[in-house]
Amino acid sequence: MGTYRPDSAHTTNGLRPSIFQTFTLEEKANHRHWARSVIAFYCSLFVLGGIAILANHTSSNSRNVVAQVSHPQNAR
């Protein structure tokens, strides 16, 4: 019986290899660059959103009322 197959001679320890083991060094570097760019983009959105919230909060704060000076009117 011909039950031997070349794939059956390959044995593993049961663990699936890491996804990065199949990538070249250039692909790994590109992935790192892409991941850092995405993280930087979302961090900048977070910071800009915080600045916008703080700016809105300080401009609409009722305790931050600007005093208005009233000028006496000239009597005729």
PDB file of N, CA and C in Angstrom:
ATOM      1  N   MET A   1       0.833  -1.187   0.000  1.00  0.00           N
ATOM      2  CA  MET A   1       0.000   0.000   0.000  1.00  0.00           C
ATOM      3  C   MET A   1       0.872   1.242   0.000  1.00  0.00           C
ATOM      4  N   GLY A   2       0.467   2.175  -0.760  1.00  0.00           N
ATOM      5  CA  GLY A   2       1.217   3.418  -0.821  1.00  0.00           C
ATOM      6  C   GLY A   2       0.665   4.461   0.125  1.00  0.00           C
ATOM      7  N   THR A   3       0.933   4.311   1.433  1.00  0.00           N
ATOM      8  CA  THR A   3       0.410   5.268   2.418  1.00  0.00           C
ATOM      9  C   THR A   3       1.411   6.359   2.752  1.00  0.00           C
ATOM     10  N   TYR A   4       2.632   6.263   2.273  1.00  0.00           N
ATOM     11  CA  TYR A   4       3.644   7.266   2.583  1.00  0.00           C
ATOM     12  C   TYR A   4       3.404   8.507   1.753  1.00  0.00           C
ATOM     13  N   ARG A   5       3.377   9.650   2.421  1.00  0.00           N
ATOM     14  CA  ARG A   5       3.306  10.940   1.731  1.00  0.00           C
ATOM     15  C   ARG A   5       4.453  11.801   2.251  1.00  0.00           C
ATOM     16  N   PRO A   6       5.037  12.670   1.427  1.00  0.00           N
ATOM     17  CA  PRO A   6       6.144  13.511   1.900  1.00  0.00           C
ATOM     18  C   PRO A   6       5.739  14.428   3.051  1.00  0.00           C
ATOM     19  N   ASP A   7       4.479  14.880   3.078  1.00  0.00           N
ATOM     20  CA  ASP A   7       4.039  15.764   4.164  1.00  0.00           C
ATOM     21  C   ASP A   7       4.022  15.049   5.509  1.00  0.00           C
ATOM     22  N   SER A   8       3.841  13.739   5.489  1.00  0.00           N
ATOM     23  CA  SER A   8       3.745  13.017   6.754  1.00  0.00           C
ATOM     24  C   SER A   8       5.103  12.913   7.447  1.00  0.00           C
ATOM     25  N   ALA A   9       6.186  13.174   6.732  1.00  0.00           N
ATOM     26  CA  ALA A   9       7.511  13.110   7.332  1.00  0.00           C
ATOM     27  C   ALA A   9       7.829  14.372   8.124  1.00  0.00           C
ATOM     28  N   HIS A  10       7.048  15.430   7.933  1.00  0.00           N
ATOM     29  CA  HIS A  10       7.290  16.695   8.636  1.00  0.00           C
ATOM     30  C   HIS A  10       6.577  16.667   9.973  1.00  0.00           C
ATOM     31  N   THR A  11       7.322  16.853  11.045  1.00  0.00           N
ATOM     32  CA  THR A  11       6.720  16.877  12.372  1.00  0.00           C
ATOM     33  C   THR A  11       6.932  18.235  13.001  1.00  0.00           C
ATOM     34  N   THR A  12       5.993  18.635  13.821  1.00  0.00           N
ATOM     35  CA  THR A  12       6.092  19.900  14.552  1.00  0.00           C
ATOM     36  C   THR A  12       5.845  19.630  16.021  1.00  0.00           C
ATOM     37  N   ASN A  13       6.061  20.647  16.821  1.00  0.00           N
ATOM     38  CA  ASN A  13       5.828  20.493  18.256  1.00  0.00           C
ATOM     39  C   ASN A  13       4.370  20.794  18.628  1.00  0.00           C
ATOM     40  N   GLY A  14       3.514  20.975  17.644  1.00  0.00           N
ATOM     41  CA  GLY A  14       2.112  21.233  17.917  1.00  0.00           C
ATOM     42  C   GLY A  14       1.771  22.709  18.002  1.00  0.00           C
ATOM     43  N   LEU A  15       2.765  23.563  18.055  1.00  0.00           N
ATOM     44  CA  LEU A  15       2.525  24.996  18.122  1.00  0.00           C
ATOM     45  C   LEU A  15       2.549  25.588  16.723  1.00  0.00           C
ATOM     46  N   ARG A  16       1.661  26.508  16.488  1.00  0.00           N
ATOM     47  CA  ARG A  16       1.631  27.169  15.189  1.00  0.00           C
ATOM     48  C   ARG A  16       2.761  28.199  15.135  1.00  0.00           C
ATOM     49  N   PRO A  17       3.479  28.271  14.043  1.00  0.00           N
ATOM     50  CA  PRO A  17       4.577  29.250  13.971  1.00  0.00           C
ATOM     51  C   PRO A  17       4.033  30.675  13.978  1.00  0.00           C
ATOM     52  N   SER A  18       4.828  31.573  14.458  1.00  0.00           N
ATOM     53  CA  SER A  18       4.438  32.979  14.502  1.00  0.00           C
ATOM     54  C   SER A  18       4.252  33.504  13.086  1.00  0.00           C
ATOM     55  N   ILE A  19       3.366  34.464  12.945  1.00  0.00           N
ATOM     56  CA  ILE A  19       3.102  35.037  11.621  1.00  0.00           C
ATOM     57  C   ILE A  19       4.337  35.757  11.082  1.00  0.00           C
ATOM     58  N   PHE A  20       5.170  36.279  11.980  1.00  0.00           N
ATOM     59  CA  PHE A  20       6.347  37.017  11.533  1.00  0.00           C
ATOM     60  C   PHE A  20       7.474  36.103  11.060  1.00  0.00           C
ATOM     61  N   GLN A  21       7.384  34.822  11.305  1.00  0.00           N
ATOM     62  CA  GLN A  21       8.423  33.916  10.848  1.00  0.00           C
ATOM     63  C   GLN A  21       8.389  33.729   9.337  1.00  0.00           C
ATOM     64  N   THR A  22       7.260  34.039   8.727  1.00  0.00           N
ATOM     65  CA  THR A  22       7.151  33.855   7.286  1.00  0.00           C
ATOM     66  C   THR A  22       7.458  35.134   6.522  1.00  0.00           C
ATOM     67  N   PHE A  23       7.645  36.261   7.211  1.00  0.00           N
ATOM     68  CA  PHE A  23       7.909  37.532   6.553  1.00  0.00           C
ATOM     69  C   PHE A  23       9.405  37.775   6.407  1.00  0.00           C
ATOM     70  N   THR A  24       9.750  38.541   5.382  1.00  0.00           N
ATOM     71  CA  THR A  24      11.143  38.944   5.209  1.00  0.00           C
ATOM     72  C   THR A  24      11.441  40.111   6.140  1.00  0.00           C
ATOM     73  N   LEU A  25      12.720  40.450   6.255  1.00  0.00           N
ATOM     74  CA  LEU A  25      13.100  41.579   7.107  1.00  0.00           C
ATOM     75  C   LEU A  25      12.503  42.885   6.610  1.00  0.00           C
ATOM     76  N   GLU A  26      12.420  43.048   5.297  1.00  0.00           N
ATOM     77  CA  GLU A  26      11.835  44.269   4.734  1.00  0.00           C
ATOM     78  C   GLU A  26      10.343  44.364   5.057  1.00  0.00           C
ATOM     79  N   GLU A  27       9.648  43.239   4.986  1.00  0.00           N
ATOM     80  CA  GLU A  27       8.219  43.233   5.309  1.00  0.00           C
ATOM     81  C   GLU A  27       7.986  43.513   6.789  1.00  0.00           C
ATOM     82  N   LYS A  28       8.845  42.988   7.647  1.00  0.00           N
ATOM     83  CA  LYS A  28       8.740  43.282   9.078  1.00  0.00           C
ATOM     84  C   LYS A  28       8.954  44.758   9.351  1.00  0.00           C
ATOM     85  N   ALA A  29       9.946  45.358   8.678  1.00  0.00           N
ATOM     86  CA  ALA A  29      10.221  46.784   8.864  1.00  0.00           C
ATOM     87  C   ALA A  29       9.047  47.626   8.359  1.00  0.00           C
ATOM     88  N   ASN A  30       8.474  47.235   7.227  1.00  0.00           N
ATOM     89  CA  ASN A  30       7.315  47.957   6.709  1.00  0.00           C
ATOM     90  C   ASN A  30       6.133  47.866   7.663  1.00  0.00           C
ATOM     91  N   HIS A  31       5.927  46.688   8.248  1.00  0.00           N
ATOM     92  CA  HIS A  31       4.832  46.517   9.193  1.00  0.00           C
ATOM     93  C   HIS A  31       5.041  47.363  10.440  1.00  0.00           C
ATOM     94  N   ARG A  32       6.266  47.394  10.962  1.00  0.00           N
ATOM     95  CA  ARG A  32       6.564  48.225  12.129  1.00  0.00           C
ATOM     96  C   ARG A  32       6.328  49.696  11.827  1.00  0.00           C
ATOM     97  N   HIS A  33       6.766  50.132  10.651  1.00  0.00           N
ATOM     98  CA  HIS A  33       6.575  51.534  10.247  1.00  0.00           C
ATOM     99  C   HIS A  33       5.079  51.849  10.138  1.00  0.00           C
ATOM    100  N   TRP A  34       4.320  50.968   9.540  1.00  0.00           N
ATOM    101  CA  TRP A  34       2.887  51.164   9.391  1.00  0.00           C
ATOM    102  C   TRP A  34       2.198  51.207  10.760  1.00  0.00           C
ATOM    103  N   ALA A  35       2.576  50.281  11.641  1.00  0.00           N
ATOM    104  CA  ALA A  35       1.961  50.230  12.970  1.00  0.00           C
ATOM    105  C   ALA A  35       2.279  51.495  13.764  1.00  0.00           C
ATOM    106  N   ARG A  36       3.508  51.973  13.693  1.00  0.00           N
ATOM    107  CA  ARG A  36       3.868  53.213  14.399  1.00  0.00           C
ATOM    108  C   ARG A  36       3.118  54.405  13.831  1.00  0.00           C
ATOM    109  N   SER A  37       2.936  54.426  12.510  1.00  0.00           N
ATOM    110  CA  SER A  37       2.196  55.523  11.881  1.00  0.00           C
ATOM    111  C   SER A  37       0.740  55.531  12.324  1.00  0.00           C
ATOM    112  N   VAL A  38       0.130  54.367  12.410  1.00  0.00           N
ATOM    113  CA  VAL A  38      -1.263  54.277  12.849  1.00  0.00           C
ATOM    114  C   VAL A  38      -1.390  54.713  14.307  1.00  0.00           C
ATOM    115  N   ILE A  39      -0.480  54.262  15.145  1.00  0.00           N
ATOM    116  CA  ILE A  39      -0.508  54.645  16.555  1.00  0.00           C
ATOM    117  C   ILE A  39      -0.302  56.150  16.701  1.00  0.00           C
ATOM    118  N   ALA A  40       0.630  56.723  15.947  1.00  0.00           N
ATOM    119  CA  ALA A  40       0.871  58.168  16.012  1.00  0.00           C
ATOM    120  C   ALA A  40      -0.353  58.945  15.541  1.00  0.00           C
ATOM    121  N   PHE A  41      -1.036  58.460  14.510  1.00  0.00           N
ATOM    122  CA  PHE A  41      -2.228  59.124  14.006  1.00  0.00           C
ATOM    123  C   PHE A  41      -3.317  59.155  15.075  1.00  0.00           C
ATOM    124  N   TYR A  42      -3.593  58.015  15.692  1.00  0.00           N
ATOM    125  CA  TYR A  42      -4.647  57.976  16.695  1.00  0.00           C
ATOM    126  C   TYR A  42      -4.268  58.738  17.962  1.00  0.00           C
ATOM    127  N   CYS A  43      -3.002  58.737  18.327  1.00  0.00           N
ATOM    128  CA  CYS A  43      -2.564  59.538  19.477  1.00  0.00           C
ATOM    129  C   CYS A  43      -2.727  61.028  19.198  1.00  0.00           C
ATOM    130  N   SER A  44      -2.410  61.456  17.978  1.00  0.00           N
ATOM    131  CA  SER A  44      -2.585  62.869  17.641  1.00  0.00           C
ATOM    132  C   SER A  44      -4.065  63.240  17.626  1.00  0.00           C
ATOM    133  N   LEU A  45      -4.939  62.339  17.149  1.00  0.00           N
ATOM    134  CA  LEU A  45      -6.385  62.599  17.229  1.00  0.00           C
ATOM    135  C   LEU A  45      -6.837  62.725  18.677  1.00  0.00           C
ATOM    136  N   PHE A  46      -6.312  61.880  19.544  1.00  0.00           N
ATOM    137  CA  PHE A  46      -6.653  61.931  20.963  1.00  0.00           C
ATOM    138  C   PHE A  46      -6.213  63.251  21.592  1.00  0.00           C
ATOM    139  N   VAL A  47      -5.000  63.683  21.287  1.00  0.00           N
ATOM    140  CA  VAL A  47      -4.481  64.934  21.845  1.00  0.00           C
ATOM    141  C   VAL A  47      -5.264  66.130  21.308  1.00  0.00           C
ATOM    142  N   LEU A  48      -5.517  66.157  19.999  1.00  0.00           N
ATOM    143  CA  LEU A  48      -6.285  67.261  19.426  1.00  0.00           C
ATOM    144  C   LEU A  48      -7.710  67.290  19.964  1.00  0.00           C
ATOM    145  N   GLY A  49      -8.301  66.146  20.181  1.00  0.00           N
ATOM    146  CA  GLY A  49      -9.628  66.088  20.780  1.00  0.00           C
ATOM    147  C   GLY A  49      -9.621  66.622  22.202  1.00  0.00           C
ATOM    148  N   GLY A  50      -8.597  66.286  22.961  1.00  0.00           N
ATOM    149  CA  GLY A  50      -8.472  66.816  24.325  1.00  0.00           C
ATOM    150  C   GLY A  50      -8.297  68.319  24.334  1.00  0.00           C
ATOM    151  N   ILE A  51      -7.518  68.834  23.399  1.00  0.00           N
ATOM    152  CA  ILE A  51      -7.332  70.286  23.308  1.00  0.00           C
ATOM    153  C   ILE A  51      -8.647  70.966  22.948  1.00  0.00           C
ATOM    154  N   ALA A  52      -9.396  70.374  22.022  1.00  0.00           N
ATOM    155  CA  ALA A  52     -10.690  70.950  21.629  1.00  0.00           C
ATOM    156  C   ALA A  52     -11.671  70.938  22.803  1.00  0.00           C
ATOM    157  N   ILE A  53     -11.685  69.863  23.576  1.00  0.00           N
ATOM    158  CA  ILE A  53     -12.572  69.794  24.735  1.00  0.00           C
ATOM    159  C   ILE A  53     -12.178  70.833  25.772  1.00  0.00           C
ATOM    160  N   LEU A  54     -10.883  70.965  26.032  1.00  0.00           N
ATOM    161  CA  LEU A  54     -10.432  71.968  27.000  1.00  0.00           C
ATOM    162  C   LEU A  54     -10.740  73.387  26.529  1.00  0.00           C
ATOM    163  N   ALA A  55     -10.555  73.653  25.247  1.00  0.00           N
ATOM    164  CA  ALA A  55     -10.842  74.985  24.721  1.00  0.00           C
ATOM    165  C   ALA A  55     -12.331  75.286  24.820  1.00  0.00           C
ATOM    166  N   ASN A  56     -13.171  74.313  24.544  1.00  0.00           N
ATOM    167  CA  ASN A  56     -14.609  74.506  24.642  1.00  0.00           C
ATOM    168  C   ASN A  56     -15.027  74.683  26.097  1.00  0.00           C
ATOM    169  N   HIS A  57     -14.411  73.935  26.984  1.00  0.00           N
ATOM    170  CA  HIS A  57     -14.760  74.020  28.400  1.00  0.00           C
ATOM    171  C   HIS A  57     -14.394  75.379  28.981  1.00  0.00           C
ATOM    172  N   THR A  58     -13.234  75.891  28.639  1.00  0.00           N
ATOM    173  CA  THR A  58     -12.816  77.172  29.200  1.00  0.00           C
ATOM    174  C   THR A  58     -13.602  78.328  28.595  1.00  0.00           C
ATOM    175  N   SER A  59     -14.059  78.198  27.354  1.00  0.00           N
ATOM    176  CA  SER A  59     -14.809  79.291  26.741  1.00  0.00           C
ATOM    177  C   SER A  59     -16.264  79.305  27.203  1.00  0.00           C
ATOM    178  N   SER A  60     -16.796  78.187  27.634  1.00  0.00           N
ATOM    179  CA  SER A  60     -18.199  78.143  28.053  1.00  0.00           C
ATOM    180  C   SER A  60     -18.350  78.057  29.564  1.00  0.00           C
ATOM    181  N   ASN A  61     -17.270  78.183  30.296  1.00  0.00           N
ATOM    182  CA  ASN A  61     -17.316  78.088  31.745  1.00  0.00           C
ATOM    183  C   ASN A  61     -17.975  79.335  32.306  1.00  0.00           C
ATOM    184  N   SER A  62     -19.031  79.188  33.118  1.00  0.00           N
ATOM    185  CA  SER A  62     -19.760  80.337  33.649  1.00  0.00           C
ATOM    186  C   SER A  62     -18.968  81.075  34.724  1.00  0.00           C
ATOM    187  N   ARG A  63     -18.007  80.422  35.325  1.00  0.00           N
ATOM    188  CA  ARG A  63     -17.185  81.105  36.337  1.00  0.00           C
ATOM    189  C   ARG A  63     -16.130  81.995  35.697  1.00  0.00           C
ATOM    190  N   ASN A  64     -15.970  81.898  34.433  1.00  0.00           N
ATOM    191  CA  ASN A  64     -14.962  82.668  33.709  1.00  0.00           C
ATOM    192  C   ASN A  64     -15.607  83.866  33.013  1.00  0.00           C
ATOM    193  N   VAL A  65     -16.435  84.573  33.719  1.00  0.00           N
ATOM    194  CA  VAL A  65     -17.171  85.676  33.113  1.00  0.00           C
ATOM    195  C   VAL A  65     -16.280  86.911  33.085  1.00  0.00           C
ATOM    196  N   VAL A  66     -16.265  87.584  31.959  1.00  0.00           N
ATOM    197  CA  VAL A  66     -15.480  88.796  31.814  1.00  0.00           C
ATOM    198  C   VAL A  66     -16.329  89.966  32.314  1.00  0.00           C
ATOM    199  N   ALA A  67     -15.734  90.771  33.161  1.00  0.00           N
ATOM    200  CA  ALA A  67     -16.469  91.922  33.704  1.00  0.00           C
ATOM    201  C   ALA A  67     -16.638  92.977  32.619  1.00  0.00           C
ATOM    202  N   GLN A  68     -17.828  93.520  32.541  1.00  0.00           N
ATOM    203  CA  GLN A  68     -18.096  94.577  31.572  1.00  0.00           C
ATOM    204  C   GLN A  68     -18.106  95.908  32.313  1.00  0.00           C
ATOM    205  N   VAL A  69     -17.398  96.843  31.778  1.00  0.00           N
ATOM    206  CA  VAL A  69     -17.310  98.162  32.398  1.00  0.00           C
ATOM    207  C   VAL A  69     -18.400  99.028  31.795  1.00  0.00           C
ATOM    208  N   SER A  70     -19.154  99.634  32.675  1.00  0.00           N
ATOM    209  CA  SER A  70     -20.194 100.533  32.167  1.00  0.00           C
ATOM    210  C   SER A  70     -19.678 101.967  32.251  1.00  0.00           C
ATOM    211  N   HIS A  71     -19.850 102.701  31.197  1.00  0.00           N
ATOM    212  CA  HIS A  71     -19.410 104.088  31.138  1.00  0.00           C
ATOM    213  C   HIS A  71     -20.597 104.988  31.506  1.00  0.00           C
ATOM    214  N   PRO A  72     -20.364 105.939  32.352  1.00  0.00           N
ATOM    215  CA  PRO A  72     -21.474 106.848  32.679  1.00  0.00           C
ATOM    216  C   PRO A  72     -21.855 107.668  31.449  1.00  0.00           C
ATOM    217  N   GLN A  73     -23.129 107.823  31.256  1.00  0.00           N
ATOM    218  CA  GLN A  73     -23.594 108.583  30.102  1.00  0.00           C
ATOM    219  C   GLN A  73     -23.518 110.069  30.431  1.00  0.00           C
ATOM    220  N   ASN A  74     -23.163 110.856  29.453  1.00  0.00           N
ATOM    221  CA  ASN A  74     -23.094 112.307  29.632  1.00  0.00           C
ATOM    222  C   ASN A  74     -24.501 112.868  29.734  1.00  0.00           C
ATOM    223  N   ALA A  75     -24.732 113.638  30.776  1.00  0.00           N
ATOM    224  CA  ALA A  75     -26.053 114.258  30.935  1.00  0.00           C
ATOM    225  C   ALA A  75     -26.099 115.519  30.102  1.00  0.00           C
ATOM    226  N   ARG A  76     -27.165 115.747  29.399  1.00  0.00           N
ATOM    227  CA  ARG A  76     -27.291 116.950  28.573  1.00  0.00           C
ATOM    228  C   ARG A  76     -28.115 117.968  29.257  1.00  0.00           C
TER     229      ARG A  76
END
